[in-house]
Amino acid sequence: MNFTVAIDGPAAAGKGTISKAVAAHFGFAHLDTGLLYRAVGRKVMVSDASPEEVALALTAEDLMGDDLRSAEVAQAASKVAPIPEVRAALLAFQHDFARRQGGAILDGRDIGTVICPDADVKLYVTADPETRAERRFQELSAKGSDTTYETVLADVKARDARDAGRAEAPMIAADDAVLIDTTNLSIEDAIASAVQVVAQRLKG
C-alpha cells in the first residue's frame, strides 16, 4: 500500500510529535525532513565542504545524534534550507521515502506544497509564536541550555520570517491542507484530530 501523509508547519507547533504518534498509530514510516537540513547545517558548521556537497553525500547515519536538536544547528539549518542546490539534492531522498510500501508520513515546511503535492493527506500544524517559544524554551531549559524566553521568542520569529519569506519553497499551508492549531490544544487532542483526518481518508 502506498499512502502518503504530508504534515507541515512552523517550528515548535507540535508537528513532529503529532507525526510520530500518527505514524505509530497506523504503522507508517516517519521522516522528519527538517533533520535532513539540520544534518546538512551541522556538517557545514564543521566542514570546508559546500552545503550542496554535504547534501549530495548525506546518509541515514547523518540523521542521528541529539545535537541535531540544538539551537545552533537549527539556525544553521535555516540558512542552508533556502539554497536551491541543497533542496534539489535532498529531493530524491524524500521522494523515495514517500513512495515506500506500507505508508509514509513526512513532516517539514514544504511537504504538501513542493515535496509531495499529491499526498493522500495534508495537514498544517501551527500555533502562535508566543506559545511555540514557551514550548521550545521549556524544552531547551530541560536540557540545561542557558537561554531566555525572550531570546527563544526572537529566534522563533526570525526563523518564521526566513522560512515564510524565502523565494525557494516558502513555508505556507497547501490549499487543501487541514489546519490544526495547537495553541490551545492538548497534545492528546491534537493527535486525535490528526488521526481522525487520516482514518477518514483511509476509509474513503
N, C-alpha and C. Protein backbone atom coordinates (compact mmCIF):
# COMPACT_ATOMS: atom_id res chain seq x y z
N MET A 1 0.83 -1.21 0.00
CA MET A 1 0.00 0.00 0.00
C MET A 1 0.87 1.26 0.00
N ASN A 2 0.60 2.15 -0.93
CA ASN A 2 1.23 3.47 -0.92
C ASN A 2 0.23 4.47 -0.36
N PHE A 3 0.57 5.11 0.74
CA PHE A 3 -0.30 6.13 1.33
C PHE A 3 0.60 7.16 1.96
N THR A 4 0.53 8.39 1.47
CA THR A 4 1.45 9.44 1.93
C THR A 4 0.72 10.52 2.71
N VAL A 5 1.25 10.85 3.87
CA VAL A 5 0.73 11.93 4.71
C VAL A 5 1.77 13.03 4.78
N ALA A 6 1.39 14.24 4.40
CA ALA A 6 2.29 15.40 4.46
C ALA A 6 1.86 16.30 5.62
N ILE A 7 2.78 16.57 6.53
CA ILE A 7 2.48 17.42 7.68
C ILE A 7 3.47 18.58 7.72
N ASP A 8 2.95 19.79 7.56
CA ASP A 8 3.78 20.99 7.54
C ASP A 8 3.44 21.91 8.71
N GLY A 9 4.30 22.90 8.92
CA GLY A 9 4.05 23.89 9.95
C GLY A 9 5.33 24.48 10.49
N PRO A 10 5.23 25.55 11.25
CA PRO A 10 6.41 26.22 11.81
C PRO A 10 7.02 25.46 12.96
N ALA A 11 8.20 25.91 13.39
CA ALA A 11 8.93 25.26 14.49
C ALA A 11 8.12 25.27 15.78
N ALA A 12 8.18 24.16 16.52
CA ALA A 12 7.60 24.03 17.87
C ALA A 12 6.08 24.12 17.89
N ALA A 13 5.45 23.84 16.74
CA ALA A 13 3.98 23.83 16.71
C ALA A 13 3.43 22.48 17.16
N GLY A 14 4.29 21.47 17.17
CA GLY A 14 3.88 20.13 17.59
C GLY A 14 3.81 19.13 16.46
N LYS A 15 4.22 19.54 15.25
CA LYS A 15 4.05 18.64 14.11
C LYS A 15 4.90 17.38 14.21
N GLY A 16 6.09 17.49 14.83
CA GLY A 16 6.94 16.32 14.98
C GLY A 16 6.31 15.29 15.91
N THR A 17 5.81 15.75 17.04
CA THR A 17 5.15 14.86 18.00
C THR A 17 3.91 14.23 17.39
N ILE A 18 3.12 15.04 16.69
CA ILE A 18 1.91 14.53 16.04
C ILE A 18 2.27 13.52 14.95
N SER A 19 3.30 13.83 14.16
CA SER A 19 3.71 12.94 13.08
C SER A 19 4.13 11.57 13.61
N LYS A 20 4.95 11.58 14.66
CA LYS A 20 5.42 10.31 15.24
C LYS A 20 4.24 9.50 15.79
N ALA A 21 3.31 10.18 16.46
CA ALA A 21 2.17 9.49 17.05
C ALA A 21 1.24 8.90 15.99
N VAL A 22 0.99 9.66 14.94
CA VAL A 22 0.13 9.18 13.85
C VAL A 22 0.81 8.02 13.13
N ALA A 23 2.12 8.13 12.90
CA ALA A 23 2.86 7.05 12.25
C ALA A 23 2.77 5.77 13.09
N ALA A 24 2.94 5.90 14.40
CA ALA A 24 2.85 4.74 15.29
C ALA A 24 1.45 4.14 15.28
N HIS A 25 0.44 4.99 15.26
CA HIS A 25 -0.96 4.55 15.29
C HIS A 25 -1.30 3.70 14.07
N PHE A 26 -0.84 4.12 12.90
CA PHE A 26 -1.19 3.43 11.66
C PHE A 26 -0.10 2.48 11.15
N GLY A 27 1.05 2.47 11.83
CA GLY A 27 2.14 1.62 11.39
C GLY A 27 2.86 2.14 10.16
N PHE A 28 2.85 3.47 9.98
CA PHE A 28 3.52 4.10 8.84
C PHE A 28 4.97 4.43 9.20
N ALA A 29 5.82 4.52 8.18
CA ALA A 29 7.18 5.02 8.38
C ALA A 29 7.13 6.54 8.53
N HIS A 30 8.08 7.10 9.28
CA HIS A 30 8.07 8.55 9.54
C HIS A 30 9.42 9.17 9.22
N LEU A 31 9.38 10.30 8.53
CA LEU A 31 10.60 11.05 8.24
C LEU A 31 10.42 12.51 8.65
N ASP A 32 11.25 12.95 9.58
CA ASP A 32 11.31 14.37 9.94
C ASP A 32 12.27 15.02 8.94
N THR A 33 11.71 15.64 7.90
CA THR A 33 12.56 16.18 6.84
C THR A 33 13.43 17.33 7.33
N GLY A 34 13.03 17.96 8.43
CA GLY A 34 13.86 19.02 8.99
C GLY A 34 15.22 18.51 9.41
N LEU A 35 15.28 17.21 9.77
CA LEU A 35 16.56 16.62 10.16
C LEU A 35 17.53 16.59 8.99
N LEU A 36 17.01 16.48 7.76
CA LEU A 36 17.89 16.50 6.59
C LEU A 36 18.65 17.81 6.54
N TYR A 37 17.92 18.91 6.72
CA TYR A 37 18.54 20.23 6.66
C TYR A 37 19.40 20.50 7.90
N ARG A 38 18.96 19.98 9.05
CA ARG A 38 19.77 20.12 10.26
C ARG A 38 21.09 19.36 10.10
N ALA A 39 21.01 18.17 9.49
CA ALA A 39 22.22 17.36 9.29
C ALA A 39 23.18 18.07 8.35
N VAL A 40 22.64 18.67 7.29
CA VAL A 40 23.48 19.44 6.37
C VAL A 40 24.08 20.63 7.11
N GLY A 41 23.25 21.35 7.84
CA GLY A 41 23.72 22.52 8.58
C GLY A 41 24.82 22.17 9.56
N ARG A 42 24.64 21.06 10.28
CA ARG A 42 25.64 20.64 11.27
C ARG A 42 26.98 20.31 10.60
N LYS A 43 26.92 19.60 9.46
CA LYS A 43 28.17 19.21 8.79
C LYS A 43 28.86 20.43 8.17
N VAL A 44 28.07 21.39 7.71
CA VAL A 44 28.65 22.61 7.14
C VAL A 44 29.39 23.39 8.23
N MET A 45 28.84 23.36 9.46
CA MET A 45 29.46 24.09 10.57
C MET A 45 30.88 23.59 10.87
N VAL A 46 31.14 22.31 10.59
CA VAL A 46 32.43 21.72 10.98
C VAL A 46 33.23 21.23 9.76
N SER A 47 32.82 21.68 8.57
CA SER A 47 33.46 21.17 7.36
C SER A 47 33.79 22.31 6.41
N ASP A 48 34.75 22.07 5.53
CA ASP A 48 35.07 23.03 4.48
C ASP A 48 34.23 22.79 3.22
N ALA A 49 33.45 21.72 3.22
CA ALA A 49 32.63 21.39 2.04
C ALA A 49 31.48 22.38 1.91
N SER A 50 31.01 22.57 0.68
CA SER A 50 29.88 23.46 0.43
C SER A 50 28.59 22.77 0.88
N PRO A 51 27.52 23.54 1.17
CA PRO A 51 26.24 22.93 1.54
C PRO A 51 25.74 21.92 0.51
N GLU A 52 25.94 22.23 -0.78
CA GLU A 52 25.48 21.31 -1.83
C GLU A 52 26.26 19.99 -1.77
N GLU A 53 27.57 20.07 -1.58
CA GLU A 53 28.39 18.86 -1.50
C GLU A 53 27.97 18.00 -0.31
N VAL A 54 27.70 18.64 0.81
CA VAL A 54 27.26 17.92 2.01
C VAL A 54 25.92 17.25 1.75
N ALA A 55 24.99 17.98 1.13
CA ALA A 55 23.64 17.44 0.87
C ALA A 55 23.70 16.23 -0.06
N LEU A 56 24.54 16.28 -1.06
CA LEU A 56 24.66 15.18 -2.02
C LEU A 56 25.22 13.92 -1.37
N ALA A 57 26.03 14.09 -0.34
CA ALA A 57 26.69 12.95 0.30
C ALA A 57 25.98 12.49 1.57
N LEU A 58 24.83 13.08 1.90
CA LEU A 58 24.13 12.78 3.15
C LEU A 58 23.69 11.32 3.21
N THR A 59 23.82 10.71 4.40
CA THR A 59 23.38 9.33 4.61
C THR A 59 22.41 9.28 5.78
N ALA A 60 21.76 8.12 5.94
CA ALA A 60 20.81 7.95 7.04
C ALA A 60 21.50 8.12 8.39
N GLU A 61 22.76 7.72 8.47
CA GLU A 61 23.52 7.84 9.72
C GLU A 61 23.69 9.30 10.13
N ASP A 62 23.70 10.20 9.14
CA ASP A 62 23.86 11.63 9.44
C ASP A 62 22.65 12.21 10.16
N LEU A 63 21.53 11.47 10.15
CA LEU A 63 20.30 11.96 10.78
C LEU A 63 20.23 11.58 12.25
N MET A 64 21.27 10.93 12.74
CA MET A 64 21.31 10.53 14.16
C MET A 64 22.06 11.59 14.98
N GLY A 65 21.79 11.58 16.28
CA GLY A 65 22.54 12.46 17.18
C GLY A 65 21.66 13.52 17.83
N ASP A 66 21.76 13.62 19.15
CA ASP A 66 20.97 14.59 19.91
C ASP A 66 21.31 16.03 19.55
N ASP A 67 22.55 16.28 19.09
CA ASP A 67 22.95 17.65 18.83
C ASP A 67 22.24 18.24 17.61
N LEU A 68 21.54 17.41 16.85
CA LEU A 68 20.76 17.95 15.73
C LEU A 68 19.64 18.86 16.21
N ARG A 69 19.25 18.70 17.47
CA ARG A 69 18.14 19.49 18.03
C ARG A 69 18.60 20.79 18.69
N SER A 70 19.88 21.08 18.64
CA SER A 70 20.37 22.28 19.32
C SER A 70 19.96 23.55 18.57
N ALA A 71 19.93 24.66 19.29
CA ALA A 71 19.55 25.94 18.69
C ALA A 71 20.55 26.36 17.61
N GLU A 72 21.83 26.07 17.84
CA GLU A 72 22.85 26.46 16.86
C GLU A 72 22.66 25.72 15.54
N VAL A 73 22.37 24.42 15.64
CA VAL A 73 22.14 23.63 14.43
C VAL A 73 20.85 24.07 13.74
N ALA A 74 19.85 24.43 14.52
CA ALA A 74 18.59 24.92 13.93
C ALA A 74 18.83 26.17 13.09
N GLN A 75 19.65 27.07 13.60
CA GLN A 75 19.97 28.28 12.86
C GLN A 75 20.76 27.95 11.59
N ALA A 76 21.68 27.01 11.70
CA ALA A 76 22.47 26.60 10.54
C ALA A 76 21.58 25.97 9.48
N ALA A 77 20.61 25.17 9.94
CA ALA A 77 19.69 24.51 9.01
C ALA A 77 18.83 25.53 8.28
N SER A 78 18.39 26.54 9.00
CA SER A 78 17.56 27.57 8.40
C SER A 78 18.31 28.36 7.32
N LYS A 79 19.64 28.41 7.45
CA LYS A 79 20.46 29.15 6.48
C LYS A 79 20.74 28.33 5.22
N VAL A 80 20.88 27.00 5.38
CA VAL A 80 21.16 26.18 4.19
C VAL A 80 19.88 25.77 3.46
N ALA A 81 18.75 25.75 4.19
CA ALA A 81 17.50 25.28 3.59
C ALA A 81 17.04 26.09 2.37
N PRO A 82 17.26 27.42 2.31
CA PRO A 82 16.80 28.17 1.13
C PRO A 82 17.64 27.96 -0.13
N ILE A 83 18.79 27.29 -0.01
CA ILE A 83 19.70 27.15 -1.15
C ILE A 83 19.12 26.14 -2.14
N PRO A 84 18.80 26.57 -3.37
CA PRO A 84 18.15 25.67 -4.34
C PRO A 84 18.91 24.37 -4.58
N GLU A 85 20.24 24.44 -4.64
CA GLU A 85 21.03 23.24 -4.90
C GLU A 85 20.92 22.22 -3.75
N VAL A 86 20.81 22.74 -2.53
CA VAL A 86 20.65 21.85 -1.37
C VAL A 86 19.29 21.16 -1.43
N ARG A 87 18.25 21.93 -1.71
CA ARG A 87 16.90 21.39 -1.78
C ARG A 87 16.80 20.33 -2.88
N ALA A 88 17.42 20.60 -4.03
CA ALA A 88 17.38 19.66 -5.15
C ALA A 88 18.09 18.35 -4.78
N ALA A 89 19.21 18.47 -4.07
CA ALA A 89 19.99 17.28 -3.69
C ALA A 89 19.21 16.38 -2.73
N LEU A 90 18.38 16.99 -1.89
CA LEU A 90 17.64 16.22 -0.89
C LEU A 90 16.26 15.76 -1.37
N LEU A 91 15.88 16.21 -2.56
CA LEU A 91 14.54 15.91 -3.08
C LEU A 91 14.35 14.42 -3.33
N ALA A 92 15.31 13.79 -3.98
CA ALA A 92 15.20 12.36 -4.31
C ALA A 92 15.06 11.51 -3.05
N PHE A 93 15.82 11.86 -2.02
CA PHE A 93 15.77 11.14 -0.74
C PHE A 93 14.33 11.14 -0.20
N GLN A 94 13.69 12.32 -0.25
CA GLN A 94 12.34 12.47 0.28
C GLN A 94 11.30 11.78 -0.61
N HIS A 95 11.46 11.88 -1.92
CA HIS A 95 10.52 11.23 -2.85
C HIS A 95 10.53 9.72 -2.67
N ASP A 96 11.72 9.14 -2.53
CA ASP A 96 11.84 7.70 -2.34
C ASP A 96 11.15 7.26 -1.05
N PHE A 97 11.33 8.05 -0.01
CA PHE A 97 10.72 7.73 1.28
C PHE A 97 9.20 7.79 1.18
N ALA A 98 8.68 8.81 0.52
CA ALA A 98 7.24 8.99 0.41
C ALA A 98 6.55 7.86 -0.34
N ARG A 99 7.28 7.23 -1.27
CA ARG A 99 6.69 6.18 -2.11
C ARG A 99 6.86 4.78 -1.53
N ARG A 100 7.44 4.67 -0.36
CA ARG A 100 7.71 3.34 0.21
C ARG A 100 6.40 2.61 0.54
N GLN A 101 6.44 1.29 0.45
CA GLN A 101 5.26 0.48 0.75
C GLN A 101 4.93 0.54 2.24
N GLY A 102 3.65 0.47 2.55
CA GLY A 102 3.21 0.42 3.94
C GLY A 102 2.81 1.76 4.52
N GLY A 103 2.92 2.83 3.73
CA GLY A 103 2.52 4.15 4.20
C GLY A 103 3.68 4.95 4.75
N ALA A 104 3.64 6.25 4.53
CA ALA A 104 4.73 7.12 4.98
C ALA A 104 4.19 8.48 5.42
N ILE A 105 4.77 8.99 6.46
CA ILE A 105 4.46 10.34 6.94
C ILE A 105 5.74 11.16 6.87
N LEU A 106 5.67 12.29 6.20
CA LEU A 106 6.80 13.22 6.13
C LEU A 106 6.36 14.54 6.75
N ASP A 107 7.18 15.08 7.65
CA ASP A 107 6.84 16.39 8.20
C ASP A 107 7.96 17.38 7.93
N GLY A 108 7.57 18.62 7.70
CA GLY A 108 8.53 19.66 7.38
C GLY A 108 7.88 21.01 7.15
N ARG A 109 8.39 21.74 6.16
CA ARG A 109 7.87 23.08 5.86
C ARG A 109 7.14 23.14 4.51
N ASP A 110 7.56 22.25 3.58
CA ASP A 110 7.03 22.35 2.21
C ASP A 110 6.63 20.98 1.65
N ILE A 111 6.21 20.08 2.53
CA ILE A 111 5.90 18.72 2.08
C ILE A 111 4.64 18.72 1.21
N GLY A 112 3.58 19.35 1.69
CA GLY A 112 2.32 19.35 0.95
C GLY A 112 2.31 20.25 -0.26
N THR A 113 3.23 21.22 -0.31
CA THR A 113 3.25 22.16 -1.43
C THR A 113 4.28 21.82 -2.48
N VAL A 114 5.43 21.26 -2.07
CA VAL A 114 6.54 21.04 -3.01
C VAL A 114 6.96 19.57 -3.10
N ILE A 115 7.23 18.95 -1.95
CA ILE A 115 7.79 17.60 -1.95
C ILE A 115 6.74 16.56 -2.37
N CYS A 116 5.57 16.62 -1.76
CA CYS A 116 4.50 15.65 -2.04
C CYS A 116 3.17 16.36 -2.29
N PRO A 117 3.08 17.12 -3.40
CA PRO A 117 1.83 17.85 -3.67
C PRO A 117 0.64 16.94 -3.92
N ASP A 118 0.89 15.66 -4.21
CA ASP A 118 -0.20 14.70 -4.42
C ASP A 118 -0.41 13.79 -3.22
N ALA A 119 0.05 14.20 -2.05
CA ALA A 119 -0.11 13.39 -0.83
C ALA A 119 -1.58 13.08 -0.58
N ASP A 120 -1.84 11.91 -0.01
CA ASP A 120 -3.21 11.49 0.26
C ASP A 120 -3.85 12.33 1.36
N VAL A 121 -3.03 12.77 2.31
CA VAL A 121 -3.50 13.63 3.40
C VAL A 121 -2.48 14.75 3.58
N LYS A 122 -2.98 15.98 3.75
CA LYS A 122 -2.11 17.12 4.06
C LYS A 122 -2.63 17.80 5.32
N LEU A 123 -1.74 17.99 6.26
CA LEU A 123 -2.07 18.70 7.50
C LEU A 123 -1.12 19.88 7.65
N TYR A 124 -1.64 20.97 8.21
CA TYR A 124 -0.78 22.12 8.54
C TYR A 124 -0.97 22.39 10.03
N VAL A 125 0.09 22.12 10.79
CA VAL A 125 0.05 22.24 12.25
C VAL A 125 0.71 23.56 12.65
N THR A 126 0.00 24.39 13.39
CA THR A 126 0.54 25.70 13.75
C THR A 126 0.15 26.07 15.18
N ALA A 127 0.70 27.16 15.67
CA ALA A 127 0.36 27.74 16.97
C ALA A 127 0.95 29.14 16.97
N ASP A 128 0.48 30.00 17.88
CA ASP A 128 1.01 31.36 17.87
C ASP A 128 2.48 31.36 18.34
N PRO A 129 3.25 32.38 17.92
CA PRO A 129 4.69 32.40 18.21
C PRO A 129 5.01 32.34 19.70
N GLU A 130 4.21 33.00 20.53
CA GLU A 130 4.48 33.03 21.97
C GLU A 130 4.35 31.63 22.57
N THR A 131 3.32 30.91 22.15
CA THR A 131 3.12 29.54 22.64
C THR A 131 4.25 28.64 22.19
N ARG A 132 4.66 28.77 20.95
CA ARG A 132 5.74 27.94 20.43
C ARG A 132 7.07 28.26 21.10
N ALA A 133 7.31 29.55 21.36
CA ALA A 133 8.55 29.95 22.04
C ALA A 133 8.59 29.40 23.46
N GLU A 134 7.47 29.42 24.15
CA GLU A 134 7.42 28.89 25.51
C GLU A 134 7.72 27.39 25.51
N ARG A 135 7.15 26.67 24.54
CA ARG A 135 7.41 25.23 24.45
C ARG A 135 8.90 24.96 24.20
N ARG A 136 9.46 25.68 23.26
CA ARG A 136 10.86 25.47 22.91
C ARG A 136 11.77 25.88 24.08
N PHE A 137 11.42 26.97 24.77
CA PHE A 137 12.20 27.43 25.93
C PHE A 137 12.22 26.35 27.02
N GLN A 138 11.05 25.77 27.30
CA GLN A 138 10.96 24.72 28.31
C GLN A 138 11.79 23.50 27.90
N GLU A 139 11.74 23.17 26.61
CA GLU A 139 12.50 22.03 26.08
C GLU A 139 14.00 22.26 26.22
N LEU A 140 14.45 23.46 25.84
CA LEU A 140 15.88 23.78 25.92
C LEU A 140 16.35 23.87 27.37
N SER A 141 15.51 24.46 28.23
CA SER A 141 15.86 24.59 29.65
C SER A 141 16.01 23.21 30.30
N ALA A 142 15.15 22.28 29.92
CA ALA A 142 15.20 20.93 30.48
C ALA A 142 16.50 20.22 30.09
N LYS A 143 17.08 20.65 28.96
CA LYS A 143 18.35 20.06 28.52
C LYS A 143 19.56 20.83 29.04
N GLY A 144 19.28 21.85 29.90
CA GLY A 144 20.38 22.58 30.50
C GLY A 144 20.89 23.74 29.68
N SER A 145 20.16 24.12 28.64
CA SER A 145 20.60 25.22 27.78
C SER A 145 20.47 26.55 28.52
N ASP A 146 21.48 27.39 28.40
CA ASP A 146 21.50 28.69 29.07
C ASP A 146 20.93 29.73 28.12
N THR A 147 19.60 29.87 28.15
CA THR A 147 18.94 30.83 27.27
C THR A 147 17.77 31.46 28.00
N THR A 148 17.11 32.42 27.36
CA THR A 148 15.96 33.08 27.96
C THR A 148 14.76 32.96 27.03
N TYR A 149 13.58 33.13 27.59
CA TYR A 149 12.35 33.07 26.79
C TYR A 149 12.39 34.13 25.70
N GLU A 150 12.86 35.33 26.04
CA GLU A 150 12.91 36.42 25.07
C GLU A 150 13.82 36.08 23.89
N THR A 151 14.93 35.44 24.17
CA THR A 151 15.86 35.04 23.11
C THR A 151 15.21 33.99 22.20
N VAL A 152 14.55 33.02 22.82
CA VAL A 152 13.89 31.95 22.06
C VAL A 152 12.77 32.53 21.20
N LEU A 153 11.99 33.46 21.77
CA LEU A 153 10.90 34.07 21.01
C LEU A 153 11.44 34.84 19.80
N ALA A 154 12.54 35.56 20.00
CA ALA A 154 13.16 36.29 18.89
C ALA A 154 13.64 35.32 17.81
N ASP A 155 14.21 34.19 18.23
CA ASP A 155 14.67 33.16 17.28
C ASP A 155 13.50 32.57 16.50
N VAL A 156 12.40 32.29 17.21
CA VAL A 156 11.21 31.71 16.57
C VAL A 156 10.66 32.66 15.51
N LYS A 157 10.55 33.93 15.87
CA LYS A 157 10.01 34.92 14.92
C LYS A 157 10.94 35.12 13.73
N ALA A 158 12.26 35.14 13.99
CA ALA A 158 13.23 35.30 12.90
C ALA A 158 13.18 34.10 11.97
N ARG A 159 13.05 32.92 12.54
CA ARG A 159 13.00 31.71 11.72
C ARG A 159 11.72 31.66 10.90
N ASP A 160 10.60 32.05 11.51
CA ASP A 160 9.33 32.11 10.78
C ASP A 160 9.46 33.03 9.56
N ALA A 161 10.07 34.18 9.79
CA ALA A 161 10.21 35.17 8.71
C ALA A 161 11.08 34.61 7.58
N ARG A 162 12.17 33.92 7.95
CA ARG A 162 13.03 33.32 6.93
C ARG A 162 12.31 32.21 6.17
N ASP A 163 11.64 31.33 6.92
CA ASP A 163 11.00 30.17 6.29
C ASP A 163 9.83 30.58 5.40
N ALA A 164 9.07 31.59 5.83
CA ALA A 164 7.91 32.02 5.06
C ALA A 164 8.29 32.97 3.93
N GLY A 165 9.43 33.67 4.08
CA GLY A 165 9.80 34.69 3.11
C GLY A 165 10.78 34.25 2.05
N ARG A 166 11.31 33.02 2.16
CA ARG A 166 12.30 32.58 1.18
C ARG A 166 11.65 32.38 -0.20
N ALA A 167 12.43 32.64 -1.22
CA ALA A 167 11.92 32.52 -2.59
C ALA A 167 11.72 31.07 -2.99
N GLU A 168 12.59 30.19 -2.48
CA GLU A 168 12.53 28.77 -2.83
C GLU A 168 11.71 28.01 -1.80
N ALA A 169 10.54 27.48 -2.23
CA ALA A 169 9.68 26.66 -1.37
C ALA A 169 9.37 27.31 -0.02
N PRO A 170 8.70 28.44 -0.01
CA PRO A 170 8.38 29.08 1.27
C PRO A 170 7.42 28.24 2.11
N MET A 171 7.44 28.46 3.42
CA MET A 171 6.55 27.75 4.33
C MET A 171 5.15 28.34 4.26
N ILE A 172 4.25 27.63 3.58
CA ILE A 172 2.84 28.03 3.52
C ILE A 172 1.99 26.77 3.59
N ALA A 173 0.75 26.94 4.01
CA ALA A 173 -0.17 25.80 4.04
C ALA A 173 -0.65 25.51 2.62
N ALA A 174 -0.69 24.24 2.24
CA ALA A 174 -1.26 23.86 0.95
C ALA A 174 -2.74 24.22 0.94
N ASP A 175 -3.26 24.54 -0.23
CA ASP A 175 -4.67 24.95 -0.33
C ASP A 175 -5.62 23.89 0.21
N ASP A 176 -5.24 22.63 0.07
CA ASP A 176 -6.13 21.54 0.51
C ASP A 176 -5.68 20.90 1.83
N ALA A 177 -4.84 21.61 2.58
CA ALA A 177 -4.39 21.08 3.87
C ALA A 177 -5.44 21.33 4.95
N VAL A 178 -5.54 20.40 5.88
CA VAL A 178 -6.40 20.56 7.05
C VAL A 178 -5.59 21.26 8.14
N LEU A 179 -6.11 22.37 8.65
CA LEU A 179 -5.40 23.17 9.65
C LEU A 179 -5.64 22.61 11.05
N ILE A 180 -4.56 22.42 11.81
CA ILE A 180 -4.66 22.06 13.23
C ILE A 180 -3.88 23.09 14.02
N ASP A 181 -4.60 23.95 14.75
CA ASP A 181 -3.97 24.99 15.57
C ASP A 181 -3.84 24.45 16.99
N THR A 182 -2.59 24.27 17.43
CA THR A 182 -2.34 23.64 18.74
C THR A 182 -2.16 24.64 19.87
N THR A 183 -2.41 25.93 19.59
CA THR A 183 -2.19 26.95 20.62
C THR A 183 -2.91 26.60 21.92
N ASN A 184 -4.17 26.20 21.80
CA ASN A 184 -4.97 25.90 22.98
C ASN A 184 -5.41 24.43 23.04
N LEU A 185 -4.68 23.58 22.32
CA LEU A 185 -5.00 22.15 22.31
C LEU A 185 -3.98 21.37 23.15
N SER A 186 -4.45 20.37 23.85
CA SER A 186 -3.51 19.44 24.48
C SER A 186 -2.90 18.60 23.37
N ILE A 187 -1.73 18.02 23.62
CA ILE A 187 -1.10 17.20 22.59
C ILE A 187 -1.97 15.99 22.26
N GLU A 188 -2.68 15.47 23.28
CA GLU A 188 -3.56 14.33 23.05
C GLU A 188 -4.68 14.68 22.08
N ASP A 189 -5.27 15.87 22.27
CA ASP A 189 -6.36 16.30 21.39
C ASP A 189 -5.85 16.58 19.97
N ALA A 190 -4.67 17.16 19.88
CA ALA A 190 -4.08 17.45 18.57
C ALA A 190 -3.82 16.15 17.81
N ILE A 191 -3.27 15.16 18.50
CA ILE A 191 -3.01 13.86 17.87
C ILE A 191 -4.32 13.20 17.45
N ALA A 192 -5.32 13.28 18.31
CA ALA A 192 -6.62 12.67 17.99
C ALA A 192 -7.23 13.30 16.74
N SER A 193 -7.07 14.61 16.60
CA SER A 193 -7.60 15.31 15.41
C SER A 193 -6.90 14.82 14.15
N ALA A 194 -5.58 14.67 14.23
CA ALA A 194 -4.81 14.21 13.08
C ALA A 194 -5.16 12.78 12.72
N VAL A 195 -5.27 11.92 13.73
CA VAL A 195 -5.62 10.52 13.50
C VAL A 195 -6.99 10.41 12.83
N GLN A 196 -7.91 11.25 13.27
CA GLN A 196 -9.26 11.23 12.69
C GLN A 196 -9.24 11.58 11.20
N VAL A 197 -8.47 12.59 10.84
CA VAL A 197 -8.39 13.00 9.43
C VAL A 197 -7.81 11.87 8.58
N VAL A 198 -6.71 11.29 9.06
CA VAL A 198 -6.06 10.21 8.30
C VAL A 198 -6.98 8.99 8.19
N ALA A 199 -7.66 8.65 9.29
CA ALA A 199 -8.56 7.48 9.28
C ALA A 199 -9.68 7.68 8.26
N GLN A 200 -10.22 8.88 8.20
CA GLN A 200 -11.30 9.16 7.24
C GLN A 200 -10.82 8.99 5.80
N ARG A 201 -9.60 9.46 5.51
CA ARG A 201 -9.06 9.33 4.14
C ARG A 201 -8.77 7.87 3.80
N LEU A 202 -8.30 7.12 4.78
CA LEU A 202 -8.02 5.70 4.55
C LEU A 202 -9.32 4.94 4.22
N LYS A 203 -10.39 5.30 4.91
CA LYS A 203 -11.68 4.65 4.64
C LYS A 203 -12.20 5.05 3.26
N GLY A 204 -11.99 6.35 2.92
CA GLY A 204 -12.53 6.87 1.66
C GLY A 204 -11.80 6.38 0.44
